[in-house]
Protein backbone atom coordinates (compact mmCIF):
# COMPACT_ATOMS: atom_id res chain seq x y z
CA UNK A 1 0.05 -0.14 -0.16
CA UNK A 2 1.28 3.56 -1.12
CA UNK A 3 0.83 6.82 0.63
CA UNK A 4 1.89 10.05 -1.02
CA UNK A 5 1.38 13.65 0.00
CA UNK A 6 2.66 17.20 -0.73
CA UNK A 7 3.42 19.44 2.13
CA UNK A 8 3.99 23.14 0.89
CA UNK A 9 5.22 25.51 3.20
CA UNK A 10 3.50 28.88 3.35
CA UNK A 11 3.42 32.08 5.43
CA UNK A 12 0.62 30.46 7.43
CA UNK A 13 2.65 26.92 8.23
CA UNK A 14 2.12 23.90 6.34
CA UNK A 15 -0.49 22.84 3.74
CA UNK A 16 -1.16 19.43 2.75
CA UNK A 17 -2.63 17.86 -0.28
CA UNK A 18 -3.20 14.18 -1.38
CA UNK A 19 -1.53 13.63 -4.45
CA UNK A 20 -1.93 10.89 -7.32
CA UNK A 21 1.35 9.68 -8.80
CA UNK A 22 -0.64 7.61 -11.78
CA UNK A 23 0.61 10.43 -14.33
CA UNK A 24 4.17 10.81 -12.98
CA UNK A 25 6.75 8.83 -14.72
CA UNK A 26 9.99 10.87 -13.94
CA UNK A 27 11.54 12.81 -11.41
CA UNK A 28 11.00 15.92 -13.34
CA UNK A 29 7.14 15.16 -13.40
CA UNK A 30 7.25 14.76 -9.84
CA UNK A 31 9.33 18.13 -9.35
CA UNK A 32 6.53 19.85 -11.74
CA UNK A 33 3.71 18.70 -9.45
CA UNK A 34 5.35 19.97 -6.46
CA UNK A 35 6.00 23.42 -7.90
CA UNK A 36 2.21 23.67 -8.82
CA UNK A 37 1.43 23.19 -5.27
CA UNK A 38 3.25 26.31 -4.38
CA UNK A 39 2.91 29.24 -6.78
CA UNK A 40 5.05 31.35 -4.30
CA UNK A 41 7.87 29.04 -4.94
CA UNK A 42 7.97 27.83 -1.21
CA UNK A 43 9.49 24.66 0.07
CA UNK A 44 7.42 21.80 -1.20
CA UNK A 45 8.09 18.19 0.20
CA UNK A 46 6.81 15.19 -1.71
CA UNK A 47 6.43 12.07 0.87
CA UNK A 48 6.08 8.86 -0.38
CA UNK A 49 5.52 5.74 1.70
CA UNK A 50 5.26 2.00 0.88
CA UNK A 51 3.87 0.35 3.91
CA UNK A 52 6.64 -1.44 5.85
CA UNK A 53 9.14 -1.28 2.83
CA UNK A 54 10.76 2.19 2.47
CA UNK A 55 9.73 5.83 2.14
CA UNK A 56 11.11 8.80 0.15
CA UNK A 57 11.25 12.56 0.48
CA UNK A 58 11.47 14.80 -2.32
CA UNK A 59 12.10 18.43 -1.70
CA UNK A 60 11.61 21.27 -4.06
CA UNK A 61 12.65 24.62 -3.56
CA UNK A 62 11.51 26.97 -6.39
CA UNK A 63 13.29 26.15 -9.62
CA UNK A 64 16.32 24.49 -7.88
CA UNK A 65 16.82 20.62 -8.67
CA UNK A 66 14.97 18.44 -6.44
CA UNK A 67 16.74 17.01 -3.45
CA UNK A 68 15.93 13.38 -2.43
CA UNK A 69 16.06 11.09 0.23
CA UNK A 70 15.16 7.15 -0.01
CA UNK A 71 15.26 5.06 3.30
CA UNK A 72 16.17 1.83 1.43
CA UNK A 73 17.14 2.03 -2.46
CA UNK A 74 16.99 -1.77 -2.70
CA UNK A 75 13.19 -1.76 -1.44
CA UNK A 76 12.33 1.05 -3.77
CA UNK A 77 13.75 -0.34 -6.70
CA UNK A 78 11.20 -3.10 -6.81
CA UNK A 79 8.38 -0.34 -6.73
CA UNK A 80 7.17 1.85 -9.76
CA UNK A 81 7.23 5.09 -7.23
CA UNK A 82 10.72 4.22 -6.04
CA UNK A 83 12.09 3.83 -9.41
CA UNK A 84 11.00 7.62 -10.20
CA UNK A 85 13.12 8.55 -7.15
CA UNK A 86 16.53 6.22 -7.97
CA UNK A 87 18.14 8.35 -10.44
CA UNK A 88 21.55 7.58 -11.59
CA UNK A 89 22.78 10.43 -10.04
CA UNK A 90 21.39 9.54 -6.75
CA UNK A 91 22.81 5.76 -7.08
CA UNK A 92 26.16 7.21 -8.09
CA UNK A 93 25.88 5.74 -11.46
CA UNK A 94 27.38 6.97 -14.67
CA UNK A 95 24.33 7.27 -16.92
CA UNK A 96 26.36 6.29 -19.88
CA UNK A 97 27.23 2.90 -18.06
CA UNK A 98 24.07 1.63 -19.70
CA UNK A 99 25.00 2.50 -23.05
CA UNK A 100 23.12 0.53 -25.83
CA UNK A 101 26.45 -0.79 -27.05
CA UNK A 102 27.14 -2.44 -23.62
CA UNK A 103 24.19 -4.49 -24.23
CA UNK A 104 24.88 -5.75 -27.69
CA UNK A 105 26.87 -8.79 -28.48
CA UNK A 106 29.27 -7.83 -30.76
CA UNK A 107 30.27 -11.26 -31.56
CA UNK A 108 27.54 -11.97 -34.40
CA UNK A 109 25.00 -13.29 -32.25
CA UNK A 110 21.74 -11.75 -31.53
CA UNK A 111 20.32 -11.11 -28.21
CA UNK A 112 19.10 -14.21 -26.59
CA UNK A 113 21.33 -16.38 -28.85
CA UNK A 114 23.81 -18.43 -26.97
CA UNK A 115 27.35 -17.66 -27.98
CA UNK A 116 28.83 -20.72 -26.63
CA UNK A 117 30.74 -19.15 -23.94
CA UNK A 118 28.80 -19.77 -20.70
CA UNK A 119 31.16 -17.47 -18.45
CA UNK A 120 30.73 -14.27 -20.59
CA UNK A 121 26.91 -14.38 -19.73
CA UNK A 122 27.42 -13.59 -16.00
CA UNK A 123 27.99 -10.07 -16.31
CA UNK A 124 25.98 -9.07 -19.49
CA UNK A 125 22.42 -8.13 -19.70
CA UNK A 126 20.02 -5.97 -17.68
CA UNK A 127 20.90 -7.66 -14.28
CA UNK A 128 24.00 -5.57 -13.86
CA UNK A 129 21.58 -2.40 -13.32
CA UNK A 130 20.04 -3.92 -10.42
CA UNK A 131 23.22 -4.98 -8.92
CA UNK A 132 24.08 -1.27 -8.57
CA UNK A 133 21.22 -0.52 -6.18
CA UNK A 134 22.51 -0.65 -2.60
CA UNK A 135 20.59 -1.87 0.38
CA UNK A 136 19.85 0.96 2.96
CA UNK A 137 19.36 4.76 2.50
CA UNK A 138 20.44 6.87 -0.44
CA UNK A 139 20.46 10.55 -0.93
CA UNK A 140 20.58 13.73 0.93
CA UNK A 141 19.89 12.69 4.60
CA UNK A 142 20.11 16.50 5.66
CA UNK A 143 17.13 17.39 3.29
CA UNK A 144 15.10 18.39 6.44
CA UNK A 145 17.50 19.86 8.60
CA UNK A 146 16.36 23.30 8.24
CA UNK A 147 12.82 22.52 9.06
CA UNK A 148 13.38 20.73 12.14
CA UNK A 149 14.16 17.15 11.05
CA UNK A 150 17.85 16.26 11.81
CA UNK A 151 19.54 13.60 9.68
CA UNK A 152 19.83 11.04 12.63
CA UNK A 153 15.96 11.57 13.25
CA UNK A 154 15.26 10.90 9.50
CA UNK A 155 17.74 7.74 9.45
CA UNK A 156 16.10 6.19 12.19
CA UNK A 157 12.44 6.45 11.11
CA UNK A 158 10.32 3.35 10.95
CA UNK A 159 7.65 2.15 8.73
CA UNK A 160 5.37 5.21 9.56
CA UNK A 161 7.88 7.74 8.66
CA UNK A 162 5.31 10.29 6.79
CA UNK A 163 3.36 10.58 10.10
CA UNK A 164 6.87 11.18 12.25
CA UNK A 165 7.92 13.67 9.57
CA UNK A 166 4.86 15.64 9.70
CA UNK A 167 4.83 15.47 13.44
CA UNK A 168 8.28 16.81 13.79
CA UNK A 169 7.44 19.54 11.28
CA UNK A 170 4.25 20.40 13.14
CA UNK A 171 2.18 19.44 10.50
CA UNK A 172 0.32 16.03 11.68
CA UNK A 173 -3.19 17.46 11.87
CA UNK A 174 -2.60 19.10 8.47
CA UNK A 175 -1.46 15.59 6.97
CA UNK A 176 -4.21 13.62 8.52
CA UNK A 177 -6.77 15.74 6.56
CA UNK A 178 -5.38 14.07 3.31
CA UNK A 179 -4.58 10.46 4.81
């Protein structure tokens, strides 16, 4: 079960809105959705939680690049919403590592045809990208320091992290209105 919400910081405090991620396919789409929630370019937090598995925080401050924290990259990689957050940059991968030429067998065989060398198959194919996703947290653990949630608190959060974050921000009642 997923839950996603936007918390926008305003002059009057935090405003929450439930958000539907069905039309979000990229981090850029998610950042645009967050920016729409705050026409004054205030801080907007996108909180995503998959019950008992992982949570993610995306912070958008005006037109700046989004900042991201994911509590468990390996768990998030198995989810469509998590895949949106796990960019090459966040995972420390070179986007060119997945170059199409790397996936081609240049020995004359087509994809799926045996080439007679079983040992060379061990490192080929798409499995390599899954191996690069670490277990545990990735991203900017100081993402919420200036709004009252320390790195230590963020890293120690449990399955109900979205509620814990909202409580520390003083926005738990606001969040409950959209939950």
